[in-house]
Amino acid sequence: MANATATPNAQPASPILTEAYLTDPNAIIRQLREDDPVHFVPGLDFWLATRYEDVKNLFTHPDFTNDPRAWNRYEAPPAGTFRAWTAENGLFSGREISL
């Protein structure tokens, strides 16, 4: 697995892990939007979607979910916490939330 941190002679695994991103994030996002619109960030293990249509599809396509219980490394939050409530009720799940 690629290391997300830079060593003196190695390039970072992702452009969003560079000083250039901290200095001018818009330029990096613009570059990703053109060259790698759905970009995986190794080490942090997430996908960054940079185009509006891609993001819209991720939130509306039935084959995709934002439910963390579907993730490989999901760990249930402690019972009785707000995190547990949001895991059970889902803020973006499309289900009706009962209070």
N, C-alpha and C. Protein backbone atom coordinates (compact mmCIF):
# COMPACT_ATOMS: atom_id res chain seq x y z
N MET A 1 0.84 -1.19 0.00
CA MET A 1 0.00 0.00 0.00
C MET A 1 0.88 1.24 0.00
N ALA A 2 0.50 2.23 -0.76
CA ALA A 2 1.28 3.46 -0.85
C ALA A 2 1.20 4.24 0.44
N ASN A 3 2.28 4.87 0.79
CA ASN A 3 2.34 5.69 2.00
C ASN A 3 1.79 7.07 1.68
N ALA A 4 0.86 7.57 2.50
CA ALA A 4 0.23 8.85 2.24
C ALA A 4 1.12 10.02 2.63
N THR A 5 2.17 9.77 3.38
CA THR A 5 3.05 10.86 3.78
C THR A 5 4.26 10.88 2.88
N ALA A 6 4.77 12.06 2.65
CA ALA A 6 5.90 12.21 1.74
C ALA A 6 7.21 11.98 2.46
N THR A 7 8.14 11.31 1.78
CA THR A 7 9.50 11.21 2.24
C THR A 7 10.31 12.16 1.39
N PRO A 8 11.53 12.49 1.77
CA PRO A 8 12.28 13.51 1.03
C PRO A 8 12.36 13.28 -0.48
N ASN A 9 12.49 12.04 -0.93
CA ASN A 9 12.65 11.78 -2.36
C ASN A 9 11.41 11.19 -3.02
N ALA A 10 10.33 11.04 -2.29
CA ALA A 10 9.12 10.42 -2.84
C ALA A 10 8.02 11.47 -3.02
N GLN A 11 7.20 11.25 -4.03
CA GLN A 11 6.05 12.13 -4.21
C GLN A 11 4.91 11.65 -3.33
N PRO A 12 4.08 12.56 -2.84
CA PRO A 12 2.92 12.14 -2.05
C PRO A 12 1.99 11.27 -2.90
N ALA A 13 1.24 10.42 -2.23
CA ALA A 13 0.34 9.50 -2.91
C ALA A 13 -0.83 10.23 -3.57
N SER A 14 -1.09 11.45 -3.16
CA SER A 14 -2.21 12.21 -3.71
C SER A 14 -1.86 13.70 -3.72
N PRO A 15 -2.31 14.43 -4.73
CA PRO A 15 -2.03 15.86 -4.75
C PRO A 15 -2.71 16.64 -3.62
N ILE A 16 -3.74 16.06 -3.01
CA ILE A 16 -4.36 16.79 -1.90
C ILE A 16 -3.57 16.65 -0.61
N LEU A 17 -2.49 15.86 -0.65
CA LEU A 17 -1.63 15.70 0.51
C LEU A 17 -0.34 16.49 0.36
N THR A 18 -0.37 17.53 -0.46
CA THR A 18 0.83 18.31 -0.74
C THR A 18 0.70 19.73 -0.18
N GLU A 19 1.84 20.40 -0.11
CA GLU A 19 1.85 21.82 0.28
C GLU A 19 1.08 22.66 -0.75
N ALA A 20 1.15 22.26 -2.02
CA ALA A 20 0.45 23.01 -3.07
C ALA A 20 -1.06 23.04 -2.80
N TYR A 21 -1.60 21.96 -2.26
CA TYR A 21 -3.03 21.93 -1.93
C TYR A 21 -3.34 22.91 -0.80
N LEU A 22 -2.46 22.98 0.17
CA LEU A 22 -2.67 23.93 1.27
C LEU A 22 -2.57 25.36 0.80
N THR A 23 -1.69 25.60 -0.17
CA THR A 23 -1.50 26.95 -0.70
C THR A 23 -2.62 27.37 -1.63
N ASP A 24 -3.00 26.48 -2.55
CA ASP A 24 -4.02 26.80 -3.55
C ASP A 24 -4.88 25.57 -3.85
N PRO A 25 -5.82 25.23 -2.96
CA PRO A 25 -6.63 24.03 -3.18
C PRO A 25 -7.44 24.08 -4.47
N ASN A 26 -7.87 25.26 -4.88
CA ASN A 26 -8.67 25.35 -6.10
C ASN A 26 -7.92 24.86 -7.33
N ALA A 27 -6.63 25.16 -7.40
CA ALA A 27 -5.83 24.71 -8.55
C ALA A 27 -5.72 23.19 -8.56
N ILE A 28 -5.54 22.59 -7.39
CA ILE A 28 -5.42 21.13 -7.31
C ILE A 28 -6.75 20.48 -7.66
N ILE A 29 -7.85 21.01 -7.14
CA ILE A 29 -9.18 20.46 -7.45
C ILE A 29 -9.46 20.60 -8.94
N ARG A 30 -9.10 21.74 -9.52
CA ARG A 30 -9.29 21.95 -10.97
C ARG A 30 -8.51 20.90 -11.76
N GLN A 31 -7.26 20.64 -11.36
CA GLN A 31 -6.45 19.63 -12.03
C GLN A 31 -7.08 18.24 -11.88
N LEU A 32 -7.53 17.91 -10.68
CA LEU A 32 -8.18 16.61 -10.47
C LEU A 32 -9.46 16.50 -11.29
N ARG A 33 -10.23 17.58 -11.36
CA ARG A 33 -11.48 17.56 -12.12
C ARG A 33 -11.21 17.21 -13.58
N GLU A 34 -10.09 17.68 -14.12
CA GLU A 34 -9.73 17.41 -15.51
C GLU A 34 -9.09 16.04 -15.69
N ASP A 35 -8.16 15.67 -14.80
CA ASP A 35 -7.33 14.48 -15.00
C ASP A 35 -7.81 13.23 -14.25
N ASP A 36 -8.46 13.42 -13.11
CA ASP A 36 -8.83 12.29 -12.25
C ASP A 36 -10.07 12.68 -11.45
N PRO A 37 -11.23 12.80 -12.12
CA PRO A 37 -12.42 13.39 -11.47
C PRO A 37 -12.96 12.63 -10.26
N VAL A 38 -12.72 11.33 -10.20
CA VAL A 38 -13.10 10.55 -9.01
C VAL A 38 -11.79 9.97 -8.49
N HIS A 39 -11.21 10.68 -7.54
CA HIS A 39 -9.83 10.45 -7.10
C HIS A 39 -9.79 9.71 -5.77
N PHE A 40 -9.06 8.59 -5.72
CA PHE A 40 -8.87 7.87 -4.46
C PHE A 40 -7.68 8.45 -3.73
N VAL A 41 -7.85 8.70 -2.43
CA VAL A 41 -6.77 9.23 -1.60
C VAL A 41 -6.23 8.10 -0.72
N PRO A 42 -5.10 7.49 -1.12
CA PRO A 42 -4.55 6.40 -0.33
C PRO A 42 -4.06 6.90 1.02
N GLY A 43 -4.08 6.04 1.98
CA GLY A 43 -3.67 6.41 3.33
C GLY A 43 -4.82 6.96 4.14
N LEU A 44 -5.64 7.78 3.51
CA LEU A 44 -6.85 8.29 4.16
C LEU A 44 -8.06 7.47 3.76
N ASP A 45 -7.90 6.67 2.72
CA ASP A 45 -8.91 5.71 2.26
C ASP A 45 -10.28 6.32 1.99
N PHE A 46 -10.30 7.34 1.16
CA PHE A 46 -11.59 7.88 0.72
C PHE A 46 -11.50 8.30 -0.74
N TRP A 47 -12.66 8.38 -1.35
CA TRP A 47 -12.77 8.83 -2.74
C TRP A 47 -13.23 10.28 -2.73
N LEU A 48 -12.61 11.09 -3.58
CA LEU A 48 -12.96 12.50 -3.73
C LEU A 48 -13.55 12.69 -5.11
N ALA A 49 -14.85 12.98 -5.16
CA ALA A 49 -15.53 13.26 -6.44
C ALA A 49 -15.50 14.77 -6.65
N THR A 50 -15.00 15.20 -7.80
CA THR A 50 -14.79 16.63 -8.04
C THR A 50 -15.75 17.25 -9.04
N ARG A 51 -16.55 16.43 -9.72
CA ARG A 51 -17.49 16.97 -10.71
C ARG A 51 -18.91 16.90 -10.17
N TYR A 52 -19.67 17.94 -10.43
CA TYR A 52 -21.04 18.04 -9.92
C TYR A 52 -21.88 16.83 -10.30
N GLU A 53 -21.84 16.44 -11.58
CA GLU A 53 -22.66 15.32 -12.03
C GLU A 53 -22.28 14.02 -11.32
N ASP A 54 -20.99 13.82 -11.07
CA ASP A 54 -20.56 12.62 -10.35
C ASP A 54 -21.10 12.62 -8.92
N VAL A 55 -21.01 13.76 -8.26
CA VAL A 55 -21.51 13.87 -6.88
C VAL A 55 -23.02 13.65 -6.87
N LYS A 56 -23.72 14.26 -7.80
CA LYS A 56 -25.17 14.09 -7.89
C LYS A 56 -25.53 12.61 -8.07
N ASN A 57 -24.81 11.93 -8.95
CA ASN A 57 -25.07 10.50 -9.17
C ASN A 57 -24.79 9.68 -7.91
N LEU A 58 -23.75 10.03 -7.18
CA LEU A 58 -23.44 9.30 -5.95
C LEU A 58 -24.56 9.41 -4.92
N PHE A 59 -25.22 10.55 -4.87
CA PHE A 59 -26.29 10.75 -3.90
C PHE A 59 -27.64 10.22 -4.36
N THR A 60 -27.78 9.93 -5.65
CA THR A 60 -29.09 9.51 -6.15
C THR A 60 -29.13 8.11 -6.75
N HIS A 61 -28.00 7.55 -7.08
CA HIS A 61 -27.98 6.22 -7.72
C HIS A 61 -28.23 5.14 -6.68
N PRO A 62 -29.12 4.19 -6.96
CA PRO A 62 -29.46 3.16 -5.97
C PRO A 62 -28.32 2.19 -5.65
N ASP A 63 -27.30 2.11 -6.50
CA ASP A 63 -26.18 1.20 -6.23
C ASP A 63 -25.13 1.78 -5.30
N PHE A 64 -25.26 3.05 -4.93
CA PHE A 64 -24.30 3.69 -4.03
C PHE A 64 -24.99 4.03 -2.72
N THR A 65 -24.21 4.03 -1.65
CA THR A 65 -24.75 4.38 -0.35
C THR A 65 -23.76 5.23 0.43
N ASN A 66 -24.28 6.08 1.28
CA ASN A 66 -23.44 6.81 2.20
C ASN A 66 -23.59 6.24 3.62
N ASP A 67 -24.23 5.09 3.71
CA ASP A 67 -24.42 4.43 4.99
C ASP A 67 -23.11 3.78 5.41
N PRO A 68 -22.49 4.26 6.49
CA PRO A 68 -21.18 3.73 6.87
C PRO A 68 -21.21 2.26 7.26
N ARG A 69 -22.38 1.71 7.54
CA ARG A 69 -22.46 0.29 7.88
C ARG A 69 -22.10 -0.59 6.69
N ALA A 70 -22.10 -0.02 5.49
CA ALA A 70 -21.74 -0.77 4.29
C ALA A 70 -20.22 -0.80 4.07
N TRP A 71 -19.49 -0.01 4.82
CA TRP A 71 -18.04 0.08 4.63
C TRP A 71 -17.35 -1.11 5.26
N ASN A 72 -16.22 -1.48 4.71
CA ASN A 72 -15.46 -2.65 5.19
C ASN A 72 -15.03 -2.53 6.64
N ARG A 73 -14.62 -1.36 7.06
CA ARG A 73 -14.06 -1.20 8.40
C ARG A 73 -15.02 -0.51 9.36
N TYR A 74 -16.29 -0.65 9.12
CA TYR A 74 -17.28 0.00 9.98
C TYR A 74 -17.23 -0.55 11.40
N GLU A 75 -17.22 0.35 12.36
CA GLU A 75 -17.34 -0.02 13.76
C GLU A 75 -18.53 0.75 14.32
N ALA A 76 -19.43 0.03 14.94
CA ALA A 76 -20.63 0.66 15.49
C ALA A 76 -20.24 1.66 16.57
N PRO A 77 -20.87 2.83 16.59
CA PRO A 77 -20.58 3.81 17.64
C PRO A 77 -21.16 3.34 18.98
N PRO A 78 -20.67 3.90 20.07
CA PRO A 78 -21.16 3.51 21.38
C PRO A 78 -22.67 3.74 21.51
N ALA A 79 -23.36 2.78 22.12
CA ALA A 79 -24.82 2.89 22.31
C ALA A 79 -25.16 4.13 23.13
N GLY A 80 -26.29 4.75 22.79
CA GLY A 80 -26.77 5.90 23.53
C GLY A 80 -26.13 7.22 23.15
N THR A 81 -25.26 7.22 22.15
CA THR A 81 -24.61 8.46 21.72
C THR A 81 -25.31 9.02 20.49
N PHE A 82 -25.05 10.30 20.20
CA PHE A 82 -25.61 10.92 19.00
C PHE A 82 -25.12 10.18 17.75
N ARG A 83 -23.86 9.76 17.76
CA ARG A 83 -23.33 9.01 16.62
C ARG A 83 -24.13 7.73 16.41
N ALA A 84 -24.51 7.06 17.48
CA ALA A 84 -25.32 5.84 17.35
C ALA A 84 -26.68 6.18 16.76
N TRP A 85 -27.28 7.29 17.21
CA TRP A 85 -28.60 7.70 16.69
C TRP A 85 -28.52 7.98 15.19
N THR A 86 -27.46 8.73 14.76
CA THR A 86 -27.35 9.04 13.34
C THR A 86 -27.06 7.78 12.52
N ALA A 87 -26.33 6.82 13.09
CA ALA A 87 -26.07 5.56 12.38
C ALA A 87 -27.37 4.78 12.18
N GLU A 88 -28.24 4.83 13.17
CA GLU A 88 -29.50 4.10 13.09
C GLU A 88 -30.53 4.81 12.20
N ASN A 89 -30.52 6.13 12.22
CA ASN A 89 -31.53 6.90 11.50
C ASN A 89 -31.04 7.51 10.20
N GLY A 90 -29.76 7.64 10.03
CA GLY A 90 -29.18 8.14 8.80
C GLY A 90 -29.62 9.54 8.43
N LEU A 91 -28.68 10.47 8.36
CA LEU A 91 -29.03 11.84 8.00
C LEU A 91 -29.34 11.98 6.51
N PHE A 92 -28.76 11.12 5.67
CA PHE A 92 -28.98 11.19 4.23
C PHE A 92 -29.53 9.89 3.68
N SER A 93 -30.18 9.11 4.49
CA SER A 93 -30.58 7.78 4.07
C SER A 93 -31.86 7.77 3.23
N GLY A 94 -32.62 8.85 3.24
CA GLY A 94 -33.88 8.87 2.52
C GLY A 94 -35.02 8.31 3.33
N ARG A 95 -34.69 7.80 4.52
CA ARG A 95 -35.74 7.27 5.40
C ARG A 95 -36.32 8.40 6.22
N GLU A 96 -37.56 8.22 6.65
CA GLU A 96 -38.17 9.19 7.55
C GLU A 96 -37.53 9.04 8.92
N ILE A 97 -37.15 10.14 9.52
CA ILE A 97 -36.48 10.13 10.81
C ILE A 97 -37.52 10.30 11.92
N SER A 98 -37.48 9.41 12.89
CA SER A 98 -38.38 9.53 14.03
C SER A 98 -37.62 10.08 15.22
N LEU A 99 -38.18 11.08 15.85
CA LEU A 99 -37.52 11.70 17.01
C LEU A 99 -38.14 11.24 18.30
